Amino acid sequence: MADKTARFTTTGMHCNSCAMLIQMSLEDVEGVAEVKADYAAGTTEVTYDPAMVTPDQIAEVIVKAGYGAELAC
């Protein structure tokens, strides 16, 4: 199955260090191929293998890192 990309509205990021923390947290998740967190835009874009991880699980990792996450339409 091909990788998919999901975009999350991410609240609570205040600087590049916040974005880096989210990226590092998600890069440790099995099935996540690429992460682009943008604190200025308040978004996190994640390319993932849907057979290994779901958008809900990805959002949960962002929340556990201390930020808000909601799947963007």
Protein backbone atom coordinates (compact mmCIF):
# COMPACT_ATOMS: atom_id res chain seq x y z
CA MET A 1 0.00 0.00 0.00
CA ALA A 2 1.27 3.47 -0.88
CA ASP A 3 2.18 5.99 1.78
CA LYS A 4 -0.36 8.69 2.60
CA THR A 5 0.10 12.24 3.82
CA ALA A 6 -1.97 13.81 6.59
CA ARG A 7 -1.92 17.44 7.70
CA PHE A 8 -2.63 18.35 11.31
CA THR A 9 -3.50 21.72 12.75
CA THR A 10 -0.98 21.88 15.59
CA THR A 11 -1.47 24.32 18.47
CA GLY A 12 1.02 25.34 21.12
CA MET A 13 4.13 25.62 18.96
CA HIS A 14 6.01 28.85 19.70
CA CYS A 15 9.38 28.37 17.98
CA ASN A 16 11.53 26.11 15.83
CA SER A 17 12.43 24.04 18.90
CA CYS A 18 8.76 23.15 19.33
CA ALA A 19 8.57 22.02 15.70
CA MET A 20 11.78 20.03 16.11
CA LEU A 21 10.42 18.26 19.21
CA ILE A 22 7.30 17.22 17.31
CA GLN A 23 9.38 16.01 14.36
CA MET A 24 11.70 13.99 16.61
CA SER A 25 8.74 12.46 18.47
CA LEU A 26 7.02 11.39 15.25
CA GLU A 27 10.17 10.13 13.54
CA ASP A 28 10.38 7.46 16.27
CA VAL A 29 6.93 6.10 15.32
CA GLU A 30 7.03 2.96 13.21
CA GLY A 31 5.36 3.62 9.87
CA VAL A 32 6.11 7.36 9.78
CA ALA A 33 8.22 8.17 6.71
CA GLU A 34 8.51 11.97 6.83
CA VAL A 35 7.50 14.83 9.14
CA LYS A 36 7.35 18.56 8.45
CA ALA A 37 6.27 20.63 11.44
CA ASP A 38 5.87 24.37 10.75
CA TYR A 39 5.43 26.46 13.90
CA ALA A 40 4.69 29.68 11.97
CA ALA A 41 1.85 28.02 10.04
CA GLY A 42 0.73 25.92 13.02
CA THR A 43 0.73 22.72 10.98
CA THR A 44 2.39 19.35 10.95
CA GLU A 45 2.46 17.31 7.75
CA VAL A 46 3.15 13.60 8.11
CA THR A 47 3.79 11.02 5.41
CA TYR A 48 3.02 7.56 6.77
CA ASP A 49 2.25 3.94 5.94
CA PRO A 50 -1.47 3.46 6.68
CA ALA A 51 -0.88 -0.27 7.22
CA MET A 52 1.34 0.56 10.21
CA VAL A 53 -0.04 3.74 11.82
CA THR A 54 -3.26 5.78 11.74
CA PRO A 55 -3.82 9.54 11.79
CA ASP A 56 -5.35 9.17 15.27
CA GLN A 57 -2.18 7.51 16.53
CA ILE A 58 -0.07 10.26 14.97
CA ALA A 59 -2.20 12.95 16.63
CA GLU A 60 -1.84 11.12 19.96
CA VAL A 61 1.97 11.34 19.71
CA ILE A 62 1.74 15.10 19.06
CA VAL A 63 -0.54 15.53 22.09
CA LYS A 64 1.78 13.45 24.29
CA ALA A 65 4.61 15.79 23.24
CA GLY A 66 2.59 18.64 24.76
CA TYR A 67 0.83 20.17 21.76
CA GLY A 68 -2.68 20.21 20.36
CA ALA A 69 -3.35 18.23 17.17
CA GLU A 70 -6.40 18.00 14.97
CA LEU A 71 -6.58 16.41 11.54
CA ALA A 72 -7.03 19.21 9.00
CA CYS A 73 -9.59 18.79 6.22
